[in-house]
Amino acid sequence: MTRDPRTTIELEAAAFRRLVAHLRERADVQNIDLMNLAGFCRNCLANWYQEAAADKGMIVSKDEAREIIYGMPYAEWQKRHQTEASPQALAAFEKSSAHTTKNKN
């Protein structure tokens, strides 16, 4: 199926907005869980947003990008929704991080 570039961008943007809305609704899912299962989290999305803005010559701060993704200031989201990571989640994250770092070298 062939699409014009504008339609492609519109579809990608719609999918991104839906992903962000879904993550806002699922505040019970912690970032460490997302990292362990998918290899990215809300902060990654905020970083990617910030990088995309920079690629267009725009300055978006880390805090601004996170607020776009979280739907509120990051500190507020942490206070409302962030819980202490379980020892199992931390161990899985460490294992995953070590594997990722090892493969980058």
N, C-alpha and C. Protein backbone atom coordinates (compact mmCIF):
# COMPACT_ATOMS: atom_id res chain seq x y z
N MET A 1 0.84 -1.17 0.00
CA MET A 1 0.00 0.00 0.00
C MET A 1 0.89 1.24 0.00
N THR A 2 0.65 2.13 -0.91
CA THR A 2 1.42 3.36 -1.02
C THR A 2 0.64 4.51 -0.41
N ARG A 3 1.33 5.29 0.40
CA ARG A 3 0.72 6.47 1.01
C ARG A 3 1.58 7.69 0.70
N ASP A 4 0.93 8.82 0.62
CA ASP A 4 1.71 10.04 0.45
C ASP A 4 2.37 10.35 1.79
N PRO A 5 3.47 11.09 1.76
CA PRO A 5 4.23 11.37 2.98
C PRO A 5 3.40 12.05 4.07
N ARG A 6 2.52 12.95 3.70
CA ARG A 6 1.70 13.65 4.70
C ARG A 6 0.78 12.67 5.44
N THR A 7 0.16 11.76 4.71
CA THR A 7 -0.71 10.76 5.33
C THR A 7 0.09 9.86 6.25
N THR A 8 1.26 9.47 5.82
CA THR A 8 2.13 8.64 6.66
C THR A 8 2.43 9.35 7.97
N ILE A 9 2.80 10.61 7.90
CA ILE A 9 3.10 11.39 9.11
C ILE A 9 1.86 11.50 9.99
N GLU A 10 0.71 11.74 9.40
CA GLU A 10 -0.53 11.85 10.18
C GLU A 10 -0.87 10.55 10.90
N LEU A 11 -0.67 9.42 10.22
CA LEU A 11 -0.93 8.13 10.84
C LEU A 11 0.06 7.84 11.96
N GLU A 12 1.31 8.14 11.72
CA GLU A 12 2.33 7.94 12.76
C GLU A 12 2.04 8.83 13.97
N ALA A 13 1.66 10.06 13.72
CA ALA A 13 1.35 10.99 14.82
C ALA A 13 0.14 10.49 15.61
N ALA A 14 -0.87 9.98 14.92
CA ALA A 14 -2.05 9.46 15.60
C ALA A 14 -1.69 8.25 16.47
N ALA A 15 -0.84 7.38 15.95
CA ALA A 15 -0.41 6.21 16.73
C ALA A 15 0.40 6.66 17.94
N PHE A 16 1.26 7.64 17.78
CA PHE A 16 2.04 8.18 18.89
C PHE A 16 1.12 8.76 19.96
N ARG A 17 0.14 9.57 19.54
CA ARG A 17 -0.80 10.17 20.51
C ARG A 17 -1.57 9.10 21.25
N ARG A 18 -1.94 8.04 20.57
CA ARG A 18 -2.67 6.96 21.22
C ARG A 18 -1.77 6.22 22.22
N LEU A 19 -0.51 6.00 21.87
CA LEU A 19 0.43 5.37 22.79
C LEU A 19 0.59 6.22 24.04
N VAL A 20 0.79 7.52 23.86
CA VAL A 20 0.95 8.42 25.01
C VAL A 20 -0.31 8.41 25.87
N ALA A 21 -1.49 8.47 25.26
CA ALA A 21 -2.75 8.44 26.03
C ALA A 21 -2.87 7.12 26.80
N HIS A 22 -2.50 6.04 26.15
CA HIS A 22 -2.57 4.73 26.80
C HIS A 22 -1.64 4.69 28.02
N LEU A 23 -0.42 5.19 27.87
CA LEU A 23 0.52 5.19 28.98
C LEU A 23 0.05 6.11 30.11
N ARG A 24 -0.61 7.20 29.78
CA ARG A 24 -1.17 8.08 30.82
C ARG A 24 -2.28 7.36 31.58
N GLU A 25 -3.10 6.60 30.88
CA GLU A 25 -4.18 5.84 31.53
C GLU A 25 -3.63 4.71 32.38
N ARG A 26 -2.49 4.17 32.01
CA ARG A 26 -1.91 3.02 32.71
C ARG A 26 -0.77 3.47 33.63
N ALA A 27 -1.07 4.42 34.49
CA ALA A 27 -0.08 4.91 35.45
C ALA A 27 0.34 3.81 36.42
N ASP A 28 -0.45 2.75 36.51
CA ASP A 28 -0.09 1.62 37.38
C ASP A 28 1.11 0.86 36.85
N VAL A 29 1.39 0.99 35.56
CA VAL A 29 2.55 0.32 34.97
C VAL A 29 3.76 1.23 35.17
N GLN A 30 4.71 0.73 35.92
CA GLN A 30 5.89 1.51 36.25
C GLN A 30 6.89 1.52 35.09
N ASN A 31 7.69 2.57 35.04
CA ASN A 31 8.69 2.67 33.98
C ASN A 31 9.67 1.50 33.98
N ILE A 32 10.06 1.03 35.16
CA ILE A 32 11.00 -0.09 35.21
C ILE A 32 10.38 -1.34 34.59
N ASP A 33 9.07 -1.50 34.77
CA ASP A 33 8.38 -2.64 34.15
C ASP A 33 8.39 -2.51 32.63
N LEU A 34 8.14 -1.30 32.15
CA LEU A 34 8.19 -1.06 30.70
C LEU A 34 9.60 -1.34 30.17
N MET A 35 10.61 -0.86 30.89
CA MET A 35 12.00 -1.09 30.46
C MET A 35 12.32 -2.58 30.41
N ASN A 36 11.88 -3.29 31.44
CA ASN A 36 12.19 -4.73 31.50
C ASN A 36 11.47 -5.52 30.40
N LEU A 37 10.28 -5.10 30.05
CA LEU A 37 9.50 -5.84 29.05
C LEU A 37 9.72 -5.36 27.63
N ALA A 38 9.84 -4.05 27.46
CA ALA A 38 9.88 -3.50 26.11
C ALA A 38 11.18 -2.81 25.74
N GLY A 39 12.01 -2.53 26.73
CA GLY A 39 13.28 -1.87 26.44
C GLY A 39 13.16 -0.36 26.28
N PHE A 40 12.01 0.20 26.63
CA PHE A 40 11.84 1.65 26.63
C PHE A 40 10.77 2.00 27.65
N CYS A 41 10.72 3.27 28.04
CA CYS A 41 9.73 3.72 29.02
C CYS A 41 9.25 5.12 28.64
N ARG A 42 8.47 5.70 29.52
CA ARG A 42 7.96 7.04 29.27
C ARG A 42 9.10 8.05 29.12
N ASN A 43 10.13 7.90 29.95
CA ASN A 43 11.27 8.82 29.85
C ASN A 43 11.97 8.69 28.50
N CYS A 44 12.06 7.48 27.98
CA CYS A 44 12.63 7.28 26.65
C CYS A 44 11.81 8.04 25.61
N LEU A 45 10.49 7.92 25.69
CA LEU A 45 9.64 8.65 24.74
C LEU A 45 9.88 10.15 24.84
N ALA A 46 10.01 10.64 26.07
CA ALA A 46 10.27 12.08 26.26
C ALA A 46 11.62 12.45 25.64
N ASN A 47 12.62 11.60 25.83
CA ASN A 47 13.94 11.86 25.24
C ASN A 47 13.85 11.87 23.72
N TRP A 48 13.12 10.92 23.16
CA TRP A 48 12.98 10.85 21.70
C TRP A 48 12.24 12.08 21.17
N TYR A 49 11.25 12.54 21.91
CA TYR A 49 10.51 13.75 21.54
C TYR A 49 11.47 14.94 21.54
N GLN A 50 12.27 15.04 22.60
CA GLN A 50 13.23 16.14 22.72
C GLN A 50 14.24 16.09 21.58
N GLU A 51 14.73 14.91 21.25
CA GLU A 51 15.68 14.75 20.15
C GLU A 51 15.05 15.13 18.80
N ALA A 52 13.79 14.74 18.59
CA ALA A 52 13.10 15.08 17.35
C ALA A 52 12.94 16.59 17.22
N ALA A 53 12.63 17.24 18.34
CA ALA A 53 12.52 18.71 18.33
C ALA A 53 13.87 19.33 17.98
N ALA A 54 14.93 18.82 18.58
CA ALA A 54 16.28 19.34 18.30
C ALA A 54 16.64 19.17 16.83
N ASP A 55 16.23 18.03 16.26
CA ASP A 55 16.49 17.80 14.84
C ASP A 55 15.80 18.84 13.96
N LYS A 56 14.73 19.44 14.47
CA LYS A 56 14.00 20.48 13.73
C LYS A 56 14.45 21.88 14.15
N GLY A 57 15.52 21.95 14.97
CA GLY A 57 16.04 23.24 15.40
C GLY A 57 15.26 23.86 16.55
N MET A 58 14.44 23.08 17.21
CA MET A 58 13.64 23.57 18.33
C MET A 58 14.27 23.15 19.65
N ILE A 59 14.16 24.00 20.63
CA ILE A 59 14.66 23.66 21.96
C ILE A 59 13.47 23.28 22.83
N VAL A 60 13.45 22.03 23.26
CA VAL A 60 12.45 21.53 24.20
C VAL A 60 13.25 20.97 25.36
N SER A 61 12.99 21.50 26.55
CA SER A 61 13.74 21.04 27.71
C SER A 61 13.31 19.63 28.10
N LYS A 62 14.14 18.99 28.89
CA LYS A 62 13.83 17.66 29.40
C LYS A 62 12.50 17.69 30.16
N ASP A 63 12.32 18.70 31.01
CA ASP A 63 11.08 18.81 31.78
C ASP A 63 9.87 19.03 30.88
N GLU A 64 10.02 19.85 29.85
CA GLU A 64 8.92 20.09 28.90
C GLU A 64 8.55 18.80 28.17
N ALA A 65 9.56 18.08 27.72
CA ALA A 65 9.30 16.83 26.99
C ALA A 65 8.60 15.82 27.90
N ARG A 66 9.06 15.71 29.13
CA ARG A 66 8.42 14.77 30.06
C ARG A 66 6.97 15.17 30.35
N GLU A 67 6.71 16.46 30.48
CA GLU A 67 5.33 16.89 30.74
C GLU A 67 4.43 16.57 29.55
N ILE A 68 4.96 16.65 28.35
CA ILE A 68 4.19 16.28 27.16
C ILE A 68 3.82 14.80 27.21
N ILE A 69 4.74 13.96 27.63
CA ILE A 69 4.49 12.52 27.68
C ILE A 69 3.64 12.14 28.89
N TYR A 70 3.97 12.67 30.05
CA TYR A 70 3.26 12.29 31.27
C TYR A 70 1.92 12.98 31.44
N GLY A 71 1.74 14.11 30.77
CA GLY A 71 0.49 14.86 30.92
C GLY A 71 0.46 15.72 32.16
N MET A 72 1.59 15.85 32.83
CA MET A 72 1.74 16.66 34.04
C MET A 72 3.23 16.76 34.32
N PRO A 73 3.63 17.66 35.20
CA PRO A 73 5.05 17.71 35.54
C PRO A 73 5.52 16.35 36.09
N TYR A 74 6.73 15.97 35.72
CA TYR A 74 7.27 14.66 36.10
C TYR A 74 7.26 14.46 37.61
N ALA A 75 7.64 15.48 38.37
CA ALA A 75 7.66 15.36 39.83
C ALA A 75 6.27 15.05 40.38
N GLU A 76 5.26 15.64 39.78
CA GLU A 76 3.88 15.37 40.21
C GLU A 76 3.50 13.93 39.88
N TRP A 77 3.86 13.46 38.68
CA TRP A 77 3.56 12.08 38.31
C TRP A 77 4.24 11.11 39.27
N GLN A 78 5.50 11.39 39.58
CA GLN A 78 6.23 10.53 40.52
C GLN A 78 5.52 10.46 41.87
N LYS A 79 5.11 11.62 42.36
CA LYS A 79 4.44 11.67 43.66
C LYS A 79 3.12 10.90 43.64
N ARG A 80 2.38 11.03 42.55
CA ARG A 80 1.07 10.37 42.45
C ARG A 80 1.15 8.88 42.14
N HIS A 81 2.11 8.49 41.29
CA HIS A 81 2.04 7.15 40.70
C HIS A 81 3.27 6.25 40.90
N GLN A 82 4.43 6.84 41.11
CA GLN A 82 5.64 5.99 41.15
C GLN A 82 5.72 5.23 42.47
N THR A 83 6.03 3.97 42.36
CA THR A 83 6.21 3.12 43.53
C THR A 83 7.65 2.62 43.58
N GLU A 84 8.03 2.09 44.71
CA GLU A 84 9.37 1.52 44.86
C GLU A 84 9.46 0.27 43.98
N ALA A 85 10.54 0.16 43.25
CA ALA A 85 10.75 -1.01 42.39
C ALA A 85 11.03 -2.23 43.26
N SER A 86 10.46 -3.34 42.85
CA SER A 86 10.69 -4.59 43.59
C SER A 86 12.12 -5.07 43.35
N PRO A 87 12.65 -5.87 44.27
CA PRO A 87 13.99 -6.44 44.05
C PRO A 87 14.06 -7.23 42.73
N GLN A 88 12.97 -7.92 42.38
CA GLN A 88 12.95 -8.69 41.14
C GLN A 88 13.02 -7.77 39.92
N ALA A 89 12.29 -6.66 39.96
CA ALA A 89 12.31 -5.71 38.84
C ALA A 89 13.69 -5.08 38.70
N LEU A 90 14.30 -4.73 39.84
CA LEU A 90 15.64 -4.15 39.80
C LEU A 90 16.66 -5.14 39.26
N ALA A 91 16.56 -6.39 39.68
CA ALA A 91 17.48 -7.41 39.19
C ALA A 91 17.32 -7.62 37.69
N ALA A 92 16.08 -7.66 37.22
CA ALA A 92 15.83 -7.82 35.79
C ALA A 92 16.38 -6.62 35.02
N PHE A 93 16.23 -5.44 35.58
CA PHE A 93 16.74 -4.23 34.93
C PHE A 93 18.26 -4.27 34.86
N GLU A 94 18.90 -4.65 35.94
CA GLU A 94 20.36 -4.74 35.96
C GLU A 94 20.85 -5.75 34.93
N LYS A 95 20.19 -6.89 34.86
CA LYS A 95 20.56 -7.93 33.90
C LYS A 95 20.40 -7.40 32.47
N SER A 96 19.29 -6.75 32.21
CA SER A 96 19.01 -6.20 30.89
C SER A 96 20.01 -5.09 30.54
N SER A 97 20.31 -4.23 31.49
CA SER A 97 21.26 -3.14 31.26
C SER A 97 22.66 -3.67 30.98
N ALA A 98 23.05 -4.69 31.72
CA ALA A 98 24.38 -5.28 31.50
C ALA A 98 24.46 -5.90 30.12
N HIS A 99 23.38 -6.54 29.70
CA HIS A 99 23.33 -7.18 28.37
C HIS A 99 23.40 -6.11 27.29
N THR A 100 22.66 -5.03 27.46
CA THR A 100 22.64 -3.95 26.47
C THR A 100 24.01 -3.30 26.37
N THR A 101 24.62 -3.01 27.52
CA THR A 101 25.93 -2.38 27.55
C THR A 101 26.96 -3.28 26.90
N LYS A 102 26.91 -4.57 27.20
CA LYS A 102 27.85 -5.54 26.64
C LYS A 102 27.76 -5.57 25.12
N ASN A 103 26.55 -5.50 24.59
CA ASN A 103 26.35 -5.57 23.14
C ASN A 103 26.76 -4.29 22.43
N LYS A 104 26.83 -3.17 23.13
CA LYS A 104 27.21 -1.90 22.51
C LYS A 104 28.71 -1.79 22.34
N ASN A 105 29.48 -2.54 23.11
CA ASN A 105 30.95 -2.46 23.05
C ASN A 105 31.52 -3.25 21.93
